[in-house]
Amino acid sequence: MKYQSLLQLARNKTPHQLLASAAFVDLFILCVAWEWFLSPLRPGGSWLILKGVPLLFAIPGLWRGRVYTMQWASMLILLYLTEGLVRITETGLNFWMAALEILLSTLAFICLLIFLKPIKARAKSLAKQQKTPSNRV
């Protein structure tokens, strides 16, 4: 019963929307696990665990397909990409965690851009139509 309702919810979503939402959820889990117990900066965890909190604000809007959320989430995800690019220079488990963070943030960014591209094109065409003067006699 639960699986059937989840499938019905997912049917109304585009593949890019689903992938972006999944990437944000996975990135949140990665951030928490990384800074809590996998390879924290300090033994026992650090306050860097809070870096995953902004992802939580974006997930509901991504799931619902809200354009404004997708726009600011596409900028937010670049911070996680940057962190992954900086931390990939570390050794051991941090290297693999950073590589996974880069993969997930890149996947989310590309999916968001693909999802938003036709919406932006429609908005531009509407703005262009409103800008042109009407031919009234």
C-alpha atoms as a PDB file:
ATOM      1  CA  MET A   1       0.000   0.000   0.000  1.00  0.00           C
ATOM      2  CA  LYS A   2       2.758   2.455   0.943  1.00  0.00           C
ATOM      3  CA  TYR A   3       4.808   1.582  -2.110  1.00  0.00           C
ATOM      4  CA  GLN A   4       1.859   2.070  -4.401  1.00  0.00           C
ATOM      5  CA  SER A   5       1.191   5.586  -3.101  1.00  0.00           C
ATOM      6  CA  LEU A   6       4.882   6.478  -3.405  1.00  0.00           C
ATOM      7  CA  LEU A   7       4.864   5.292  -6.996  1.00  0.00           C
ATOM      8  CA  GLN A   8       1.796   7.395  -7.725  1.00  0.00           C
ATOM      9  CA  LEU A   9       3.527  10.459  -6.248  1.00  0.00           C
ATOM     10  CA  ALA A  10       6.636   9.816  -8.331  1.00  0.00           C
ATOM     11  CA  ARG A  11       4.644   9.450 -11.570  1.00  0.00           C
ATOM     12  CA  ASN A  12       3.866  13.168 -11.635  1.00  0.00           C
ATOM     13  CA  LYS A  13       7.567  14.084 -11.481  1.00  0.00           C
ATOM     14  CA  THR A  14      10.062  14.419 -14.295  1.00  0.00           C
ATOM     15  CA  PRO A  15      13.164  12.206 -14.136  1.00  0.00           C
ATOM     16  CA  HIS A  16      15.330  15.297 -13.635  1.00  0.00           C
ATOM     17  CA  GLN A  17      13.215  16.447 -10.730  1.00  0.00           C
ATOM     18  CA  LEU A  18      13.416  13.007  -9.112  1.00  0.00           C
ATOM     19  CA  LEU A  19      17.178  12.789  -9.621  1.00  0.00           C
ATOM     20  CA  ALA A  20      17.754  16.276  -8.200  1.00  0.00           C
ATOM     21  CA  SER A  21      15.594  15.508  -5.156  1.00  0.00           C
ATOM     22  CA  ALA A  22      17.384  12.190  -4.592  1.00  0.00           C
ATOM     23  CA  ALA A  23      20.787  13.845  -4.974  1.00  0.00           C
ATOM     24  CA  PHE A  24      19.880  16.472  -2.356  1.00  0.00           C
ATOM     25  CA  VAL A  25      18.676  13.799   0.089  1.00  0.00           C
ATOM     26  CA  ASP A  26      21.785  11.686  -0.527  1.00  0.00           C
ATOM     27  CA  LEU A  27      24.034  14.719  -0.149  1.00  0.00           C
ATOM     28  CA  PHE A  28      22.386  15.564   3.172  1.00  0.00           C
ATOM     29  CA  ILE A  29      22.958  12.015   4.421  1.00  0.00           C
ATOM     30  CA  LEU A  30      26.561  12.146   3.201  1.00  0.00           C
ATOM     31  CA  CYS A  31      27.238  15.471   4.959  1.00  0.00           C
ATOM     32  CA  VAL A  32      25.817  14.266   8.260  1.00  0.00           C
ATOM     33  CA  ALA A  33      27.564  10.893   8.146  1.00  0.00           C
ATOM     34  CA  TRP A  34      30.866  12.423   7.035  1.00  0.00           C
ATOM     35  CA  GLU A  35      31.052  15.012   9.798  1.00  0.00           C
ATOM     36  CA  TRP A  36      29.434  12.904  12.512  1.00  0.00           C
ATOM     37  CA  PHE A  37      31.089   9.501  12.434  1.00  0.00           C
ATOM     38  CA  LEU A  38      32.754   8.549   9.132  1.00  0.00           C
ATOM     39  CA  SER A  39      35.619  11.036   9.119  1.00  0.00           C
ATOM     40  CA  PRO A  40      34.896  14.092  11.280  1.00  0.00           C
ATOM     41  CA  LEU A  41      37.375  16.952  11.627  1.00  0.00           C
ATOM     42  CA  ARG A  42      37.455  16.316  15.381  1.00  0.00           C
ATOM     43  CA  PRO A  43      36.941  12.944  17.107  1.00  0.00           C
ATOM     44  CA  GLY A  44      33.307  12.510  18.096  1.00  0.00           C
ATOM     45  CA  GLY A  45      32.021  14.886  15.415  1.00  0.00           C
ATOM     46  CA  SER A  46      32.079  18.610  14.836  1.00  0.00           C
ATOM     47  CA  TRP A  47      29.730  21.523  14.253  1.00  0.00           C
ATOM     48  CA  LEU A  48      30.368  21.082  10.541  1.00  0.00           C
ATOM     49  CA  ILE A  49      27.528  18.564  10.689  1.00  0.00           C
ATOM     50  CA  LEU A  50      25.252  21.605  10.355  1.00  0.00           C
ATOM     51  CA  LYS A  51      26.440  22.200   6.789  1.00  0.00           C
ATOM     52  CA  GLY A  52      23.708  19.812   5.640  1.00  0.00           C
ATOM     53  CA  VAL A  53      20.862  21.896   7.094  1.00  0.00           C
ATOM     54  CA  PRO A  54      20.437  24.215   4.051  1.00  0.00           C
ATOM     55  CA  LEU A  55      19.787  21.127   1.936  1.00  0.00           C
ATOM     56  CA  LEU A  56      16.785  20.304   4.116  1.00  0.00           C
ATOM     57  CA  PHE A  57      15.166  23.628   3.248  1.00  0.00           C
ATOM     58  CA  ALA A  58      15.410  22.878  -0.470  1.00  0.00           C
ATOM     59  CA  ILE A  59      14.180  19.268  -0.535  1.00  0.00           C
ATOM     60  CA  PRO A  60      10.402  19.915  -0.131  1.00  0.00           C
ATOM     61  CA  GLY A  61      10.416  22.584  -2.846  1.00  0.00           C
ATOM     62  CA  LEU A  62      12.402  20.364  -5.190  1.00  0.00           C
ATOM     63  CA  TRP A  63       9.967  17.527  -4.659  1.00  0.00           C
ATOM     64  CA  ARG A  64       6.995  19.801  -5.371  1.00  0.00           C
ATOM     65  CA  GLY A  65       8.667  21.250  -8.465  1.00  0.00           C
ATOM     66  CA  ARG A  66       8.719  24.856  -7.268  1.00  0.00           C
ATOM     67  CA  VAL A  67      10.684  26.895  -9.766  1.00  0.00           C
ATOM     68  CA  TYR A  68      11.924  29.502  -7.287  1.00  0.00           C
ATOM     69  CA  THR A  69      13.288  26.781  -4.994  1.00  0.00           C
ATOM     70  CA  MET A  70      15.012  25.108  -7.922  1.00  0.00           C
ATOM     71  CA  GLN A  71      16.609  28.396  -8.908  1.00  0.00           C
ATOM     72  CA  TRP A  72      18.146  29.122  -5.519  1.00  0.00           C
ATOM     73  CA  ALA A  73      18.966  25.441  -4.941  1.00  0.00           C
ATOM     74  CA  SER A  74      20.992  25.443  -8.156  1.00  0.00           C
ATOM     75  CA  MET A  75      23.134  28.213  -6.646  1.00  0.00           C
ATOM     76  CA  LEU A  76      23.283  26.543  -3.215  1.00  0.00           C
ATOM     77  CA  ILE A  77      24.533  23.258  -4.619  1.00  0.00           C
ATOM     78  CA  LEU A  78      27.603  25.017  -6.003  1.00  0.00           C
ATOM     79  CA  LEU A  79      28.816  25.542  -2.409  1.00  0.00           C
ATOM     80  CA  TYR A  80      28.829  21.781  -1.880  1.00  0.00           C
ATOM     81  CA  LEU A  81      30.610  21.287  -5.193  1.00  0.00           C
ATOM     82  CA  THR A  82      33.253  23.789  -4.092  1.00  0.00           C
ATOM     83  CA  GLU A  83      33.695  22.065  -0.736  1.00  0.00           C
ATOM     84  CA  GLY A  84      34.135  18.730  -2.477  1.00  0.00           C
ATOM     85  CA  LEU A  85      36.713  20.201  -4.850  1.00  0.00           C
ATOM     86  CA  VAL A  86      38.673  21.626  -1.917  1.00  0.00           C
ATOM     87  CA  ARG A  87      38.495  18.498   0.241  1.00  0.00           C
ATOM     88  CA  ILE A  88      39.347  16.043  -2.541  1.00  0.00           C
ATOM     89  CA  THR A  89      42.986  16.961  -1.935  1.00  0.00           C
ATOM     90  CA  GLU A  90      42.808  15.160   1.431  1.00  0.00           C
ATOM     91  CA  THR A  91      43.772  11.518   1.827  1.00  0.00           C
ATOM     92  CA  GLY A  92      42.033   8.379   2.991  1.00  0.00           C
ATOM     93  CA  LEU A  93      38.280   8.282   3.449  1.00  0.00           C
ATOM     94  CA  ASN A  94      38.004  12.066   3.023  1.00  0.00           C
ATOM     95  CA  PHE A  95      39.078  11.696  -0.607  1.00  0.00           C
ATOM     96  CA  TRP A  96      36.236   9.261  -1.337  1.00  0.00           C
ATOM     97  CA  MET A  97      33.687  11.316   0.593  1.00  0.00           C
ATOM     98  CA  ALA A  98      34.735  14.417  -1.365  1.00  0.00           C
ATOM     99  CA  ALA A  99      34.522  12.510  -4.648  1.00  0.00           C
ATOM    100  CA  LEU A 100      30.986  11.393  -3.761  1.00  0.00           C
ATOM    101  CA  GLU A 101      30.064  14.941  -2.766  1.00  0.00           C
ATOM    102  CA  ILE A 102      31.334  16.210  -6.134  1.00  0.00           C
ATOM    103  CA  LEU A 103      29.381  13.518  -7.974  1.00  0.00           C
ATOM    104  CA  LEU A 104      26.112  14.204  -6.132  1.00  0.00           C
ATOM    105  CA  SER A 105      26.348  17.983  -6.343  1.00  0.00           C
ATOM    106  CA  THR A 106      27.209  17.860 -10.045  1.00  0.00           C
ATOM    107  CA  LEU A 107      24.303  15.494 -10.703  1.00  0.00           C
ATOM    108  CA  ALA A 108      21.903  17.768  -8.805  1.00  0.00           C
ATOM    109  CA  PHE A 109      23.169  20.904 -10.561  1.00  0.00           C
ATOM    110  CA  ILE A 110      22.848  19.423 -14.049  1.00  0.00           C
ATOM    111  CA  CYS A 111      19.374  18.006 -13.341  1.00  0.00           C
ATOM    112  CA  LEU A 112      18.181  21.360 -12.006  1.00  0.00           C
ATOM    113  CA  LEU A 113      19.489  23.195 -15.063  1.00  0.00           C
ATOM    114  CA  ILE A 114      17.854  20.707 -17.430  1.00  0.00           C
ATOM    115  CA  PHE A 115      14.557  20.993 -15.535  1.00  0.00           C
ATOM    116  CA  LEU A 116      14.645  24.809 -15.520  1.00  0.00           C
ATOM    117  CA  LYS A 117      15.736  25.345 -19.144  1.00  0.00           C
ATOM    118  CA  PRO A 118      12.282  24.960 -20.798  1.00  0.00           C
ATOM    119  CA  ILE A 119      10.655  27.022 -18.044  1.00  0.00           C
ATOM    120  CA  LYS A 120      13.103  29.859 -18.634  1.00  0.00           C
ATOM    121  CA  ALA A 121      12.554  29.636 -22.413  1.00  0.00           C
ATOM    122  CA  ARG A 122       8.771  29.905 -21.918  1.00  0.00           C
ATOM    123  CA  ALA A 123       9.195  32.909 -19.629  1.00  0.00           C
ATOM    124  CA  LYS A 124      11.434  34.629 -22.173  1.00  0.00           C
ATOM    125  CA  SER A 125       8.956  34.036 -24.998  1.00  0.00           C
ATOM    126  CA  LEU A 126       6.072  35.375 -22.873  1.00  0.00           C
ATOM    127  CA  ALA A 127       8.095  38.460 -21.986  1.00  0.00           C
ATOM    128  CA  LYS A 128       8.924  38.980 -25.660  1.00  0.00           C
ATOM    129  CA  GLN A 129       5.251  38.662 -26.641  1.00  0.00           C
ATOM    130  CA  GLN A 130       4.219  41.202 -24.009  1.00  0.00           C
ATOM    131  CA  LYS A 131       6.936  43.588 -25.139  1.00  0.00           C
ATOM    132  CA  THR A 132       5.928  43.698 -28.809  1.00  0.00           C
ATOM    133  CA  PRO A 133       3.292  46.332 -29.586  1.00  0.00           C
ATOM    134  CA  SER A 134      -0.027  45.044 -30.765  1.00  0.00           C
ATOM    135  CA  ASN A 135      -1.187  45.921 -34.260  1.00  0.00           C
ATOM    136  CA  ARG A 136      -4.360  47.839 -33.578  1.00  0.00           C
ATOM    137  CA  VAL A 137      -6.212  49.740 -36.269  1.00  0.00           C
END
